[in-house]
Amino acid sequence: MTPIPKSAAQLYEIDFVAWTEQTLQLIRAGQFEQVDWDAVIEEIENLGRSDRRELKSRLEVLLQHLLMWQYQSSLRSGSWQNTINEQRNRITDLLQESPSLKSYPEEILAQCYHRGLKAASNETELPIDTFPVKCPYPIPQVLDAEFLPDAIDL
């Protein structure tokens, strides 16, 4: 049997869900002095970082698949197109839910392209210098639901 924590800080460390429920009850009851504010602040900070990390990850996968689509056109599949569509949809959702992130894709494009480029090279087994050094697609094009790059014959 797990011992019952003596404080909100202890509960935060042992059972996160129970901590969130207890914290919500304390706030609703106006018992602010019992709230573990340091943990609340930490969680709020993490929420913002989480959306940024997700957007970055999805943009990397999207760029990888756009490159694969363009540079290995003979292997194109519905799976690749579904991945492209899914990443765009989730990015669009994130930007609608957090409009303050609207400029973030442009800020991280070069970094995400570099990572997506490496992943595309690994996946396709094409040398990395087969692909452009800089991202050939501007953000509006990357996020455009109708855009798929033309094939490049190697």
N, C-alpha and C. Protein backbone atom coordinates (compact mmCIF):
# COMPACT_ATOMS: atom_id res chain seq x y z
N MET A 1 0.84 -1.17 0.00
CA MET A 1 0.00 0.00 0.00
C MET A 1 0.89 1.25 0.00
N THR A 2 0.58 2.20 -0.90
CA THR A 2 1.34 3.43 -1.01
C THR A 2 1.00 4.36 0.13
N PRO A 3 2.02 4.91 0.82
CA PRO A 3 1.71 5.82 1.92
C PRO A 3 1.05 7.09 1.39
N ILE A 4 0.16 7.66 2.18
CA ILE A 4 -0.53 8.88 1.81
C ILE A 4 0.45 10.04 1.99
N PRO A 5 0.64 10.84 0.92
CA PRO A 5 1.58 11.96 1.03
C PRO A 5 1.09 12.99 2.04
N LYS A 6 2.05 13.67 2.68
CA LYS A 6 1.70 14.66 3.70
C LYS A 6 1.45 16.04 3.09
N SER A 7 1.95 16.27 1.87
CA SER A 7 1.79 17.60 1.28
C SER A 7 1.49 17.48 -0.20
N ALA A 8 1.01 18.60 -0.77
CA ALA A 8 0.74 18.65 -2.19
C ALA A 8 2.03 18.39 -2.99
N ALA A 9 3.16 18.89 -2.48
CA ALA A 9 4.43 18.69 -3.17
C ALA A 9 4.79 17.20 -3.23
N GLN A 10 4.53 16.48 -2.16
CA GLN A 10 4.80 15.05 -2.16
C GLN A 10 3.86 14.33 -3.14
N LEU A 11 2.59 14.72 -3.13
CA LEU A 11 1.61 14.11 -4.03
C LEU A 11 2.03 14.34 -5.48
N TYR A 12 2.50 15.53 -5.79
CA TYR A 12 2.95 15.88 -7.13
C TYR A 12 4.03 14.91 -7.61
N GLU A 13 4.91 14.52 -6.70
CA GLU A 13 6.01 13.62 -7.06
C GLU A 13 5.56 12.17 -7.21
N ILE A 14 4.51 11.75 -6.50
CA ILE A 14 4.12 10.33 -6.50
C ILE A 14 2.95 10.01 -7.42
N ASP A 15 1.99 10.92 -7.53
CA ASP A 15 0.78 10.63 -8.32
C ASP A 15 0.29 11.92 -8.96
N PHE A 16 0.74 12.15 -10.18
CA PHE A 16 0.44 13.41 -10.87
C PHE A 16 -1.05 13.64 -11.04
N VAL A 17 -1.79 12.62 -11.46
CA VAL A 17 -3.23 12.78 -11.68
C VAL A 17 -3.93 13.14 -10.38
N ALA A 18 -3.58 12.46 -9.30
CA ALA A 18 -4.19 12.79 -8.00
C ALA A 18 -3.82 14.22 -7.60
N TRP A 19 -2.58 14.64 -7.90
CA TRP A 19 -2.17 16.02 -7.59
C TRP A 19 -3.02 17.02 -8.37
N THR A 20 -3.25 16.76 -9.66
CA THR A 20 -4.06 17.69 -10.45
C THR A 20 -5.48 17.78 -9.91
N GLU A 21 -6.04 16.66 -9.54
CA GLU A 21 -7.41 16.65 -8.99
C GLU A 21 -7.47 17.41 -7.67
N GLN A 22 -6.48 17.15 -6.80
CA GLN A 22 -6.45 17.84 -5.51
C GLN A 22 -6.24 19.35 -5.70
N THR A 23 -5.35 19.71 -6.60
CA THR A 23 -5.07 21.12 -6.85
C THR A 23 -6.30 21.83 -7.39
N LEU A 24 -7.00 21.19 -8.28
CA LEU A 24 -8.24 21.75 -8.82
C LEU A 24 -9.27 21.97 -7.71
N GLN A 25 -9.42 20.99 -6.83
CA GLN A 25 -10.36 21.12 -5.71
C GLN A 25 -9.96 22.27 -4.79
N LEU A 26 -8.67 22.38 -4.50
CA LEU A 26 -8.20 23.46 -3.62
C LEU A 26 -8.45 24.83 -4.23
N ILE A 27 -8.19 24.96 -5.51
CA ILE A 27 -8.41 26.25 -6.18
C ILE A 27 -9.90 26.59 -6.23
N ARG A 28 -10.72 25.61 -6.59
CA ARG A 28 -12.17 25.85 -6.63
C ARG A 28 -12.73 26.21 -5.26
N ALA A 29 -12.15 25.65 -4.23
CA ALA A 29 -12.62 25.91 -2.86
C ALA A 29 -12.01 27.20 -2.29
N GLY A 30 -11.13 27.84 -3.08
CA GLY A 30 -10.52 29.07 -2.60
C GLY A 30 -9.46 28.85 -1.55
N GLN A 31 -8.94 27.64 -1.43
CA GLN A 31 -7.92 27.32 -0.43
C GLN A 31 -6.53 27.49 -1.06
N PHE A 32 -6.27 28.70 -1.48
CA PHE A 32 -5.07 29.00 -2.25
C PHE A 32 -3.78 28.77 -1.47
N GLU A 33 -3.80 28.94 -0.18
CA GLU A 33 -2.59 28.77 0.62
C GLU A 33 -2.13 27.31 0.65
N GLN A 34 -3.01 26.38 0.32
CA GLN A 34 -2.65 24.95 0.33
C GLN A 34 -2.17 24.46 -1.04
N VAL A 35 -2.28 25.31 -2.05
CA VAL A 35 -1.88 24.93 -3.40
C VAL A 35 -0.36 24.96 -3.53
N ASP A 36 0.17 23.95 -4.19
CA ASP A 36 1.61 23.88 -4.48
C ASP A 36 1.86 24.74 -5.73
N TRP A 37 2.04 26.05 -5.51
CA TRP A 37 2.15 26.99 -6.62
C TRP A 37 3.39 26.77 -7.47
N ASP A 38 4.48 26.31 -6.88
CA ASP A 38 5.68 26.05 -7.67
C ASP A 38 5.41 24.97 -8.72
N ALA A 39 4.68 23.94 -8.32
CA ALA A 39 4.35 22.86 -9.26
C ALA A 39 3.35 23.36 -10.32
N VAL A 40 2.40 24.19 -9.91
CA VAL A 40 1.43 24.75 -10.86
C VAL A 40 2.17 25.56 -11.92
N ILE A 41 3.08 26.41 -11.48
CA ILE A 41 3.87 27.23 -12.40
C ILE A 41 4.67 26.35 -13.35
N GLU A 42 5.29 25.32 -12.82
CA GLU A 42 6.08 24.40 -13.64
C GLU A 42 5.21 23.75 -14.71
N GLU A 43 4.03 23.33 -14.33
CA GLU A 43 3.13 22.67 -15.29
C GLU A 43 2.65 23.63 -16.36
N ILE A 44 2.37 24.86 -16.00
CA ILE A 44 1.94 25.85 -17.00
C ILE A 44 3.08 26.12 -17.99
N GLU A 45 4.30 26.24 -17.48
CA GLU A 45 5.46 26.42 -18.36
C GLU A 45 5.61 25.24 -19.31
N ASN A 46 5.41 24.03 -18.79
CA ASN A 46 5.54 22.83 -19.60
C ASN A 46 4.48 22.75 -20.70
N LEU A 47 3.30 23.26 -20.44
CA LEU A 47 2.24 23.25 -21.45
C LEU A 47 2.67 24.04 -22.68
N GLY A 48 3.22 25.21 -22.49
CA GLY A 48 3.69 26.02 -23.61
C GLY A 48 4.82 25.35 -24.36
N ARG A 49 5.75 24.77 -23.63
CA ARG A 49 6.86 24.07 -24.26
C ARG A 49 6.38 22.85 -25.03
N SER A 50 5.39 22.19 -24.50
CA SER A 50 4.86 20.98 -25.13
C SER A 50 4.29 21.30 -26.52
N ASP A 51 3.53 22.37 -26.64
CA ASP A 51 2.97 22.76 -27.94
C ASP A 51 4.09 23.10 -28.91
N ARG A 52 5.12 23.79 -28.45
CA ARG A 52 6.25 24.14 -29.32
C ARG A 52 6.99 22.88 -29.77
N ARG A 53 7.21 21.95 -28.85
CA ARG A 53 7.89 20.70 -29.21
C ARG A 53 7.07 19.91 -30.22
N GLU A 54 5.77 19.84 -30.00
CA GLU A 54 4.92 19.09 -30.93
C GLU A 54 4.94 19.73 -32.31
N LEU A 55 4.84 21.05 -32.37
CA LEU A 55 4.85 21.73 -33.65
C LEU A 55 6.17 21.47 -34.38
N LYS A 56 7.26 21.56 -33.65
CA LYS A 56 8.58 21.32 -34.24
C LYS A 56 8.69 19.88 -34.77
N SER A 57 8.26 18.93 -33.99
CA SER A 57 8.32 17.53 -34.39
C SER A 57 7.48 17.27 -35.64
N ARG A 58 6.29 17.82 -35.66
CA ARG A 58 5.40 17.60 -36.81
C ARG A 58 5.94 18.28 -38.06
N LEU A 59 6.56 19.45 -37.92
CA LEU A 59 7.14 20.13 -39.06
C LEU A 59 8.33 19.35 -39.62
N GLU A 60 9.13 18.76 -38.75
CA GLU A 60 10.25 17.93 -39.20
C GLU A 60 9.76 16.74 -40.03
N VAL A 61 8.73 16.05 -39.55
CA VAL A 61 8.18 14.89 -40.26
C VAL A 61 7.56 15.34 -41.58
N LEU A 62 6.86 16.44 -41.57
CA LEU A 62 6.25 16.97 -42.79
C LEU A 62 7.32 17.28 -43.84
N LEU A 63 8.38 17.96 -43.46
CA LEU A 63 9.45 18.29 -44.40
C LEU A 63 10.14 17.03 -44.91
N GLN A 64 10.35 16.07 -44.03
CA GLN A 64 10.94 14.80 -44.45
C GLN A 64 10.10 14.16 -45.55
N HIS A 65 8.81 14.11 -45.35
CA HIS A 65 7.94 13.44 -46.32
C HIS A 65 7.77 14.25 -47.61
N LEU A 66 7.82 15.56 -47.51
CA LEU A 66 7.79 16.37 -48.74
C LEU A 66 9.04 16.09 -49.58
N LEU A 67 10.19 15.98 -48.92
CA LEU A 67 11.42 15.65 -49.65
C LEU A 67 11.36 14.25 -50.25
N MET A 68 10.88 13.30 -49.48
CA MET A 68 10.76 11.94 -50.00
C MET A 68 9.81 11.92 -51.20
N TRP A 69 8.70 12.65 -51.10
CA TRP A 69 7.72 12.73 -52.17
C TRP A 69 8.37 13.28 -53.45
N GLN A 70 9.21 14.28 -53.27
CA GLN A 70 9.83 14.94 -54.41
C GLN A 70 10.98 14.13 -54.99
N TYR A 71 11.80 13.53 -54.13
CA TYR A 71 13.04 12.91 -54.59
C TYR A 71 12.96 11.40 -54.77
N GLN A 72 11.89 10.78 -54.36
CA GLN A 72 11.69 9.35 -54.62
C GLN A 72 10.28 9.13 -55.14
N SER A 73 9.97 9.83 -56.21
CA SER A 73 8.60 9.81 -56.73
C SER A 73 8.17 8.42 -57.17
N SER A 74 9.09 7.57 -57.54
CA SER A 74 8.72 6.22 -57.96
C SER A 74 8.21 5.36 -56.80
N LEU A 75 8.48 5.80 -55.58
CA LEU A 75 8.04 5.04 -54.40
C LEU A 75 6.88 5.72 -53.68
N ARG A 76 6.31 6.76 -54.27
CA ARG A 76 5.20 7.47 -53.63
C ARG A 76 4.10 6.49 -53.25
N SER A 77 3.48 6.79 -52.12
CA SER A 77 2.40 5.91 -51.66
C SER A 77 1.33 6.73 -50.95
N GLY A 78 0.20 6.10 -50.79
CA GLY A 78 -0.88 6.72 -50.02
C GLY A 78 -0.45 6.97 -48.59
N SER A 79 0.41 6.12 -48.08
CA SER A 79 0.91 6.28 -46.71
C SER A 79 1.70 7.58 -46.58
N TRP A 80 2.55 7.88 -47.56
CA TRP A 80 3.31 9.13 -47.52
C TRP A 80 2.37 10.32 -47.58
N GLN A 81 1.39 10.25 -48.47
CA GLN A 81 0.46 11.36 -48.60
C GLN A 81 -0.37 11.52 -47.32
N ASN A 82 -0.77 10.41 -46.70
CA ASN A 82 -1.50 10.48 -45.44
C ASN A 82 -0.64 11.12 -44.35
N THR A 83 0.64 10.78 -44.31
CA THR A 83 1.53 11.38 -43.32
C THR A 83 1.64 12.88 -43.56
N ILE A 84 1.79 13.29 -44.80
CA ILE A 84 1.85 14.72 -45.13
C ILE A 84 0.57 15.42 -44.68
N ASN A 85 -0.57 14.84 -45.02
CA ASN A 85 -1.85 15.44 -44.63
C ASN A 85 -2.03 15.48 -43.12
N GLU A 86 -1.68 14.41 -42.45
CA GLU A 86 -1.83 14.34 -40.99
C GLU A 86 -0.98 15.39 -40.29
N GLN A 87 0.27 15.54 -40.72
CA GLN A 87 1.15 16.53 -40.09
C GLN A 87 0.61 17.94 -40.31
N ARG A 88 0.15 18.22 -41.52
CA ARG A 88 -0.43 19.53 -41.80
C ARG A 88 -1.67 19.78 -40.94
N ASN A 89 -2.52 18.77 -40.85
CA ASN A 89 -3.74 18.93 -40.04
C ASN A 89 -3.41 19.22 -38.58
N ARG A 90 -2.47 18.49 -38.01
CA ARG A 90 -2.12 18.68 -36.60
C ARG A 90 -1.44 20.04 -36.39
N ILE A 91 -0.61 20.45 -37.34
CA ILE A 91 0.02 21.77 -37.23
C ILE A 91 -1.05 22.85 -37.29
N THR A 92 -1.99 22.71 -38.21
CA THR A 92 -3.09 23.68 -38.32
C THR A 92 -3.88 23.73 -37.02
N ASP A 93 -4.17 22.57 -36.44
CA ASP A 93 -4.90 22.52 -35.16
C ASP A 93 -4.13 23.26 -34.07
N LEU A 94 -2.82 22.99 -33.98
CA LEU A 94 -2.00 23.65 -32.96
C LEU A 94 -2.01 25.16 -33.14
N LEU A 95 -1.91 25.63 -34.37
CA LEU A 95 -1.88 27.06 -34.64
C LEU A 95 -3.24 27.71 -34.37
N GLN A 96 -4.32 26.96 -34.58
CA GLN A 96 -5.65 27.50 -34.26
C GLN A 96 -5.87 27.55 -32.75
N GLU A 97 -5.38 26.55 -32.04
CA GLU A 97 -5.56 26.50 -30.59
C GLU A 97 -4.63 27.48 -29.87
N SER A 98 -3.50 27.78 -30.48
CA SER A 98 -2.52 28.69 -29.88
C SER A 98 -2.04 29.68 -30.95
N PRO A 99 -2.86 30.68 -31.26
CA PRO A 99 -2.51 31.63 -32.32
C PRO A 99 -1.17 32.34 -32.08
N SER A 100 -0.72 32.41 -30.84
CA SER A 100 0.57 33.06 -30.56
C SER A 100 1.73 32.29 -31.19
N LEU A 101 1.50 31.05 -31.62
CA LEU A 101 2.55 30.26 -32.26
C LEU A 101 2.58 30.47 -33.78
N LYS A 102 1.75 31.35 -34.30
CA LYS A 102 1.63 31.52 -35.75
C LYS A 102 2.97 31.78 -36.44
N SER A 103 3.85 32.56 -35.83
CA SER A 103 5.14 32.87 -36.45
C SER A 103 6.20 31.79 -36.16
N TYR A 104 5.90 30.88 -35.26
CA TYR A 104 6.89 29.89 -34.83
C TYR A 104 7.39 28.99 -35.97
N PRO A 105 6.50 28.49 -36.85
CA PRO A 105 7.02 27.64 -37.94
C PRO A 105 8.09 28.33 -38.78
N GLU A 106 7.91 29.61 -39.05
CA GLU A 106 8.92 30.36 -39.82
C GLU A 106 10.23 30.44 -39.03
N GLU A 107 10.12 30.65 -37.72
CA GLU A 107 11.31 30.77 -36.87
C GLU A 107 12.14 29.49 -36.84
N ILE A 108 11.47 28.35 -36.91
CA ILE A 108 12.16 27.06 -36.75
C ILE A 108 12.34 26.31 -38.06
N LEU A 109 11.95 26.92 -39.17
CA LEU A 109 11.99 26.23 -40.46
C LEU A 109 13.37 25.67 -40.77
N ALA A 110 14.41 26.47 -40.64
CA ALA A 110 15.77 26.01 -40.99
C ALA A 110 16.18 24.81 -40.13
N GLN A 111 15.92 24.88 -38.83
CA GLN A 111 16.27 23.77 -37.93
C GLN A 111 15.47 22.52 -38.28
N CYS A 112 14.18 22.69 -38.50
CA CYS A 112 13.32 21.54 -38.82
C CYS A 112 13.69 20.95 -40.17
N TYR A 113 14.03 21.81 -41.13
CA TYR A 113 14.44 21.32 -42.44
C TYR A 113 15.70 20.47 -42.30
N HIS A 114 16.66 20.95 -41.53
CA HIS A 114 17.91 20.21 -41.35
C HIS A 114 17.62 18.80 -40.80
N ARG A 115 16.75 18.72 -39.81
CA ARG A 115 16.41 17.41 -39.22
C ARG A 115 15.58 16.57 -40.19
N GLY A 116 14.63 17.21 -40.87
CA GLY A 116 13.82 16.48 -41.85
C GLY A 116 14.67 15.99 -43.01
N LEU A 117 15.65 16.79 -43.40
CA LEU A 117 16.58 16.42 -44.46
C LEU A 117 17.37 15.17 -44.08
N LYS A 118 17.90 15.15 -42.87
CA LYS A 118 18.64 13.96 -42.40
C LYS A 118 17.74 12.72 -42.39
N ALA A 119 16.51 12.90 -41.91
CA ALA A 119 15.58 11.77 -41.86
C ALA A 119 15.23 11.29 -43.27
N ALA A 120 15.03 12.22 -44.20
CA ALA A 120 14.72 11.84 -45.59
C ALA A 120 15.90 11.10 -46.22
N SER A 121 17.11 11.58 -45.96
CA SER A 121 18.30 10.91 -46.48
C SER A 121 18.41 9.50 -45.92
N ASN A 122 18.20 9.36 -44.63
CA ASN A 122 18.24 8.02 -44.01
C ASN A 122 17.17 7.11 -44.58
N GLU A 123 15.96 7.62 -44.69
CA GLU A 123 14.83 6.81 -45.14
C GLU A 123 14.98 6.39 -46.61
N THR A 124 15.41 7.32 -47.45
CA THR A 124 15.52 7.04 -48.89
C THR A 124 16.83 6.38 -49.27
N GLU A 125 17.82 6.47 -48.36
CA GLU A 125 19.18 6.01 -48.62
C GLU A 125 19.85 6.79 -49.74
N LEU A 126 19.34 8.01 -49.99
CA LEU A 126 19.98 8.91 -50.95
C LEU A 126 21.02 9.73 -50.19
N PRO A 127 22.13 10.04 -50.83
CA PRO A 127 23.13 10.87 -50.15
C PRO A 127 22.52 12.22 -49.76
N ILE A 128 22.94 12.73 -48.63
CA ILE A 128 22.35 13.97 -48.12
C ILE A 128 22.56 15.13 -49.09
N ASP A 129 23.65 15.09 -49.86
CA ASP A 129 23.89 16.20 -50.80
C ASP A 129 23.02 16.10 -52.06
N THR A 130 22.15 15.10 -52.12
CA THR A 130 21.15 15.01 -53.19
C THR A 130 20.11 16.11 -53.02
N PHE A 131 19.88 16.48 -51.78
CA PHE A 131 18.82 17.42 -51.44
C PHE A 131 19.36 18.84 -51.33
N PRO A 132 18.49 19.84 -51.47
CA PRO A 132 18.94 21.23 -51.30
C PRO A 132 19.45 21.47 -49.87
N VAL A 133 20.47 22.31 -49.76
CA VAL A 133 21.03 22.65 -48.46
C VAL A 133 20.01 23.42 -47.63
N LYS A 134 19.29 24.35 -48.28
CA LYS A 134 18.26 25.15 -47.60
C LYS A 134 16.89 24.68 -48.04
N CYS A 135 15.93 24.88 -47.18
CA CYS A 135 14.57 24.43 -47.45
C CYS A 135 14.04 25.08 -48.74
N PRO A 136 13.63 24.27 -49.71
CA PRO A 136 13.14 24.81 -50.98
C PRO A 136 11.67 25.25 -50.94
N TYR A 137 11.03 25.03 -49.80
CA TYR A 137 9.60 25.35 -49.70
C TYR A 137 9.39 26.43 -48.65
N PRO A 138 8.72 27.53 -49.00
CA PRO A 138 8.37 28.52 -47.97
C PRO A 138 7.25 27.97 -47.08
N ILE A 139 7.15 28.48 -45.87
CA ILE A 139 6.16 27.99 -44.91
C ILE A 139 4.73 27.97 -45.48
N PRO A 140 4.28 29.02 -46.16
CA PRO A 140 2.90 28.94 -46.70
C PRO A 140 2.70 27.73 -47.61
N GLN A 141 3.73 27.39 -48.38
CA GLN A 141 3.65 26.23 -49.26
C GLN A 141 3.68 24.93 -48.44
N VAL A 142 4.56 24.87 -47.47
CA VAL A 142 4.69 23.68 -46.62
C VAL A 142 3.35 23.34 -45.97
N LEU A 143 2.65 24.38 -45.52
CA LEU A 143 1.40 24.16 -44.79
C LEU A 143 0.16 24.12 -45.70
N ASP A 144 0.33 24.39 -46.98
CA ASP A 144 -0.78 24.41 -47.93
C ASP A 144 -1.26 22.98 -48.19
N ALA A 145 -2.51 22.73 -47.88
CA ALA A 145 -3.10 21.38 -48.01
C ALA A 145 -3.07 20.87 -49.45
N GLU A 146 -2.96 21.76 -50.41
CA GLU A 146 -2.97 21.35 -51.82
C GLU A 146 -1.57 21.16 -52.40
N PHE A 147 -0.55 21.57 -51.68
CA PHE A 147 0.80 21.53 -52.23
C PHE A 147 1.46 20.17 -52.05
N LEU A 148 1.94 19.64 -53.17
CA LEU A 148 2.85 18.50 -53.17
C LEU A 148 3.93 18.83 -54.20
N PRO A 149 5.19 18.71 -53.84
CA PRO A 149 6.27 19.10 -54.76
C PRO A 149 6.33 18.20 -55.99
N ASP A 150 6.74 18.78 -57.10
CA ASP A 150 6.93 18.01 -58.33
C ASP A 150 8.11 17.08 -58.16
N ALA A 151 8.05 15.98 -58.90
CA ALA A 151 9.12 14.98 -58.85
C ALA A 151 10.40 15.55 -59.45
N ILE A 152 11.51 15.14 -58.89
CA ILE A 152 12.83 15.45 -59.44
C ILE A 152 13.44 14.13 -59.86
N ASP A 153 13.76 14.04 -61.14
CA ASP A 153 14.37 12.81 -61.65
C ASP A 153 15.86 12.82 -61.36
N LEU A 154 16.29 11.77 -60.71
CA LEU A 154 17.71 11.68 -60.35
C LEU A 154 18.46 10.84 -61.34
